[in-house]
C-alpha cells in the first residue's frame, strides 16, 4: 500500500489526480485506523498479562464481568471497591 495512487499508462488532469488521491487517502486512513485499533488491543492484552504475571491488578479489571460474581461482590464494584483479579 503506497501513499500515492497512480495508474500506469494513464495521464491525469490535475482535477482527476486530486480526486484519485482524496479517494486513496480515505482508504488508507480507514486501513490505518483499523491497524491502530488492532495494535492497541494487542498492546493492552500484553500489558494485562505482564501486570498479572508480576502480581499486579490491571486498572480495567474491576470493569470486566467475572463469572460466578454474587450480589455482595457486585455491590463492592458499584460502591467503588476494587476486585482482586
N, C-alpha and C. Protein backbone atom coordinates (compact mmCIF):
# COMPACT_ATOMS: atom_id res chain seq x y z
N UNK A 1 0.85 -1.17 0.00
CA UNK A 1 0.00 0.00 0.00
C UNK A 1 0.90 1.23 0.00
N UNK A 2 0.80 1.99 -1.05
CA UNK A 2 1.61 3.20 -1.16
C UNK A 2 0.87 4.42 -0.64
N UNK A 3 1.56 5.51 -0.54
CA UNK A 3 0.94 6.74 -0.08
C UNK A 3 0.28 7.51 -1.22
N UNK A 4 0.58 7.11 -2.44
CA UNK A 4 0.05 7.79 -3.61
C UNK A 4 -0.50 6.73 -4.56
N UNK A 5 -1.66 6.97 -5.14
CA UNK A 5 -2.27 6.00 -6.05
C UNK A 5 -2.24 6.55 -7.48
N UNK A 6 -1.45 5.90 -8.31
CA UNK A 6 -1.32 6.34 -9.71
C UNK A 6 -1.41 5.11 -10.61
N UNK A 7 -2.31 5.18 -11.58
CA UNK A 7 -2.42 4.09 -12.55
C UNK A 7 -1.34 4.24 -13.62
N UNK A 8 -0.73 3.11 -13.96
CA UNK A 8 0.27 3.15 -15.04
C UNK A 8 -0.43 3.48 -16.35
N UNK A 9 0.26 4.16 -17.19
CA UNK A 9 -0.19 4.48 -18.55
C UNK A 9 -1.46 5.32 -18.57
N UNK A 10 -1.72 6.08 -17.53
CA UNK A 10 -2.88 6.97 -17.51
C UNK A 10 -2.37 8.40 -17.27
N UNK A 11 -2.79 9.30 -18.14
CA UNK A 11 -2.44 10.70 -17.98
C UNK A 11 -3.59 11.39 -17.27
N UNK A 12 -3.31 11.93 -16.10
CA UNK A 12 -4.33 12.57 -15.28
C UNK A 12 -4.39 14.07 -15.57
N UNK A 13 -5.60 14.60 -15.50
CA UNK A 13 -5.72 16.05 -15.39
C UNK A 13 -5.46 16.37 -13.92
N UNK A 14 -5.23 17.61 -13.61
CA UNK A 14 -4.99 17.97 -12.21
C UNK A 14 -6.19 17.60 -11.34
N UNK A 15 -7.38 17.87 -11.84
CA UNK A 15 -8.60 17.57 -11.08
C UNK A 15 -8.74 16.06 -10.86
N UNK A 16 -8.51 15.25 -11.89
CA UNK A 16 -8.59 13.78 -11.76
C UNK A 16 -7.58 13.28 -10.72
N UNK A 17 -6.38 13.82 -10.78
CA UNK A 17 -5.34 13.40 -9.85
C UNK A 17 -5.74 13.73 -8.41
N UNK A 18 -6.25 14.94 -8.20
CA UNK A 18 -6.67 15.34 -6.86
C UNK A 18 -7.78 14.44 -6.34
N UNK A 19 -8.76 14.13 -7.18
CA UNK A 19 -9.88 13.27 -6.77
C UNK A 19 -9.37 11.87 -6.44
N UNK A 20 -8.51 11.33 -7.30
CA UNK A 20 -7.96 9.99 -7.07
C UNK A 20 -7.20 9.94 -5.75
N UNK A 21 -6.45 10.99 -5.44
CA UNK A 21 -5.66 10.99 -4.21
C UNK A 21 -6.53 11.15 -2.97
N UNK A 22 -7.61 11.91 -3.07
CA UNK A 22 -8.53 12.06 -1.94
C UNK A 22 -9.20 10.72 -1.65
N UNK A 23 -9.63 10.03 -2.69
CA UNK A 23 -10.24 8.70 -2.52
C UNK A 23 -9.23 7.75 -1.88
N UNK A 24 -7.99 7.77 -2.39
CA UNK A 24 -6.95 6.89 -1.84
C UNK A 24 -6.65 7.25 -0.38
N UNK A 25 -6.61 8.54 -0.07
CA UNK A 25 -6.37 9.00 1.29
C UNK A 25 -7.42 8.45 2.25
N UNK A 26 -8.67 8.47 1.84
CA UNK A 26 -9.75 7.95 2.68
C UNK A 26 -9.57 6.46 2.93
N UNK A 27 -9.19 5.70 1.90
CA UNK A 27 -8.98 4.27 2.05
C UNK A 27 -7.80 3.98 2.97
N UNK A 28 -6.70 4.69 2.76
CA UNK A 28 -5.51 4.49 3.60
C UNK A 28 -5.81 4.87 5.04
N UNK A 29 -6.52 5.96 5.25
CA UNK A 29 -6.87 6.40 6.59
C UNK A 29 -7.71 5.35 7.30
N UNK A 30 -8.67 4.77 6.60
CA UNK A 30 -9.52 3.72 7.18
C UNK A 30 -8.69 2.49 7.56
N UNK A 31 -7.80 2.08 6.68
CA UNK A 31 -6.95 0.91 6.97
C UNK A 31 -6.02 1.19 8.14
N UNK A 32 -5.46 2.38 8.20
CA UNK A 32 -4.57 2.73 9.31
C UNK A 32 -5.32 2.77 10.63
N UNK A 33 -6.55 3.24 10.62
CA UNK A 33 -7.35 3.26 11.84
C UNK A 33 -7.63 1.84 12.32
N UNK A 34 -7.95 0.93 11.38
CA UNK A 34 -8.16 -0.47 11.75
C UNK A 34 -6.89 -1.07 12.35
N UNK A 35 -5.75 -0.79 11.72
CA UNK A 35 -4.47 -1.29 12.23
C UNK A 35 -4.19 -0.72 13.62
N UNK A 36 -4.43 0.56 13.79
CA UNK A 36 -4.20 1.21 15.08
C UNK A 36 -5.04 0.56 16.17
N UNK A 37 -6.31 0.30 15.89
CA UNK A 37 -7.18 -0.33 16.87
C UNK A 37 -6.72 -1.74 17.22
N UNK A 38 -6.30 -2.50 16.22
CA UNK A 38 -5.78 -3.85 16.48
C UNK A 38 -4.50 -3.78 17.31
N UNK A 39 -3.62 -2.86 16.98
CA UNK A 39 -2.37 -2.71 17.73
C UNK A 39 -2.64 -2.33 19.18
N UNK A 40 -3.59 -1.42 19.40
CA UNK A 40 -3.94 -1.03 20.77
C UNK A 40 -4.43 -2.24 21.56
N UNK A 41 -5.25 -3.07 20.93
CA UNK A 41 -5.79 -4.24 21.61
C UNK A 41 -4.68 -5.24 21.95
N UNK A 42 -3.77 -5.46 21.04
CA UNK A 42 -2.64 -6.38 21.29
C UNK A 42 -1.79 -5.86 22.44
N UNK A 43 -1.49 -4.57 22.43
CA UNK A 43 -0.67 -3.98 23.50
C UNK A 43 -1.40 -4.04 24.83
N UNK A 44 -2.69 -3.74 24.83
CA UNK A 44 -3.48 -3.79 26.07
C UNK A 44 -3.45 -5.19 26.66
N UNK A 45 -3.67 -6.20 25.82
CA UNK A 45 -3.66 -7.58 26.31
C UNK A 45 -2.28 -7.98 26.83
N UNK A 46 -1.24 -7.59 26.12
CA UNK A 46 0.12 -7.92 26.55
C UNK A 46 0.44 -7.25 27.89
N UNK A 47 0.02 -6.02 28.06
CA UNK A 47 0.25 -5.32 29.32
C UNK A 47 -0.50 -5.99 30.46
N UNK A 48 -1.74 -6.39 30.22
CA UNK A 48 -2.51 -7.07 31.27
C UNK A 48 -1.83 -8.37 31.68
N UNK A 49 -1.35 -9.14 30.70
CA UNK A 49 -0.67 -10.40 31.00
C UNK A 49 0.59 -10.12 31.82
N UNK A 50 1.36 -9.13 31.40
CA UNK A 50 2.60 -8.79 32.12
C UNK A 50 2.31 -8.30 33.53
N UNK A 51 1.28 -7.47 33.70
CA UNK A 51 0.93 -6.99 35.04
C UNK A 51 0.51 -8.14 35.94
N UNK A 52 -0.34 -9.02 35.42
CA UNK A 52 -0.79 -10.16 36.22
C UNK A 52 0.38 -11.08 36.57
N UNK A 53 1.27 -11.30 35.62
CA UNK A 53 2.43 -12.17 35.87
C UNK A 53 3.32 -11.58 36.96
N UNK A 54 3.35 -10.26 37.07
CA UNK A 54 4.17 -9.59 38.08
C UNK A 54 3.42 -9.40 39.39
N UNK A 55 2.16 -9.88 39.44
CA UNK A 55 1.39 -9.80 40.68
C UNK A 55 0.57 -8.54 40.85
N UNK A 56 0.39 -7.78 39.81
CA UNK A 56 -0.40 -6.56 39.89
C UNK A 56 -1.79 -6.78 39.31
N UNK A 57 -2.73 -5.94 39.73
CA UNK A 57 -4.07 -5.98 39.18
C UNK A 57 -4.21 -4.85 38.16
N UNK A 58 -4.51 -5.18 36.91
CA UNK A 58 -4.72 -4.12 35.91
C UNK A 58 -5.89 -3.22 36.30
N UNK A 59 -5.80 -1.94 35.99
CA UNK A 59 -6.84 -0.97 36.35
C UNK A 59 -8.20 -1.32 35.79
N UNK A 60 -8.25 -1.89 34.59
CA UNK A 60 -9.54 -2.14 33.96
C UNK A 60 -10.18 -3.43 34.43
N UNK A 61 -9.56 -4.15 35.33
CA UNK A 61 -10.08 -5.44 35.78
C UNK A 61 -11.42 -5.30 36.49
N UNK A 62 -11.61 -4.24 37.25
CA UNK A 62 -12.84 -4.07 38.01
C UNK A 62 -14.05 -3.86 37.11
N UNK A 63 -13.83 -3.55 35.85
CA UNK A 63 -14.94 -3.27 34.95
C UNK A 63 -15.33 -4.46 34.10
N UNK A 64 -14.57 -5.53 34.16
CA UNK A 64 -14.88 -6.70 33.35
C UNK A 64 -15.76 -7.64 34.14
N UNK A 65 -16.75 -8.27 33.50
CA UNK A 65 -17.60 -9.22 34.21
C UNK A 65 -16.79 -10.43 34.64
N UNK A 66 -17.10 -10.91 35.83
CA UNK A 66 -16.42 -12.08 36.35
C UNK A 66 -17.47 -13.16 36.61
N UNK A 67 -17.23 -14.35 36.10
CA UNK A 67 -18.18 -15.44 36.26
C UNK A 67 -18.34 -15.77 37.74
N UNK A 68 -19.57 -16.09 38.13
CA UNK A 68 -19.82 -16.51 39.50
C UNK A 68 -19.89 -15.36 40.49
N UNK A 69 -19.92 -14.13 40.03
CA UNK A 69 -19.96 -12.99 40.93
C UNK A 69 -21.34 -12.91 41.57
N UNK A 70 -21.37 -12.68 42.88
CA UNK A 70 -22.63 -12.64 43.61
C UNK A 70 -22.96 -11.22 44.03
N UNK A 71 -24.11 -11.04 44.64
CA UNK A 71 -24.62 -9.72 44.99
C UNK A 71 -23.68 -8.84 45.77
N UNK A 72 -23.05 -9.39 46.82
CA UNK A 72 -22.15 -8.59 47.65
C UNK A 72 -20.96 -8.08 46.84
N UNK A 73 -20.44 -8.94 45.97
CA UNK A 73 -19.30 -8.54 45.14
C UNK A 73 -19.71 -7.46 44.15
N UNK A 74 -20.91 -7.59 43.58
CA UNK A 74 -21.41 -6.57 42.66
C UNK A 74 -21.58 -5.23 43.37
N UNK A 75 -22.07 -5.27 44.63
CA UNK A 75 -22.23 -4.04 45.40
C UNK A 75 -20.87 -3.38 45.64
N UNK A 76 -19.84 -4.21 45.85
CA UNK A 76 -18.50 -3.67 46.07
C UNK A 76 -18.02 -2.90 44.84
N UNK A 77 -18.31 -3.44 43.65
CA UNK A 77 -17.93 -2.76 42.41
C UNK A 77 -18.68 -1.45 42.29
N UNK A 78 -20.00 -1.50 42.52
CA UNK A 78 -20.82 -0.30 42.36
C UNK A 78 -20.42 0.80 43.33
N UNK A 79 -19.94 0.41 44.51
CA UNK A 79 -19.55 1.41 45.51
C UNK A 79 -18.13 1.91 45.33
N UNK A 80 -17.44 1.41 44.29
CA UNK A 80 -16.09 1.88 44.01
C UNK A 80 -15.01 1.00 44.60
N UNK A 81 -15.40 -0.14 45.18
CA UNK A 81 -14.40 -1.05 45.73
C UNK A 81 -13.64 -1.74 44.61
N UNK A 82 -12.52 -2.32 44.96
CA UNK A 82 -11.69 -2.99 43.96
C UNK A 82 -11.82 -4.49 44.08
N UNK A 83 -11.70 -5.15 42.97
CA UNK A 83 -11.74 -6.61 42.93
C UNK A 83 -10.35 -7.15 42.72
N UNK A 84 -10.13 -8.31 43.24
CA UNK A 84 -8.86 -8.99 43.02
C UNK A 84 -8.99 -9.82 41.75
N UNK A 85 -8.10 -9.63 40.80
CA UNK A 85 -8.14 -10.37 39.54
C UNK A 85 -7.39 -11.67 39.67
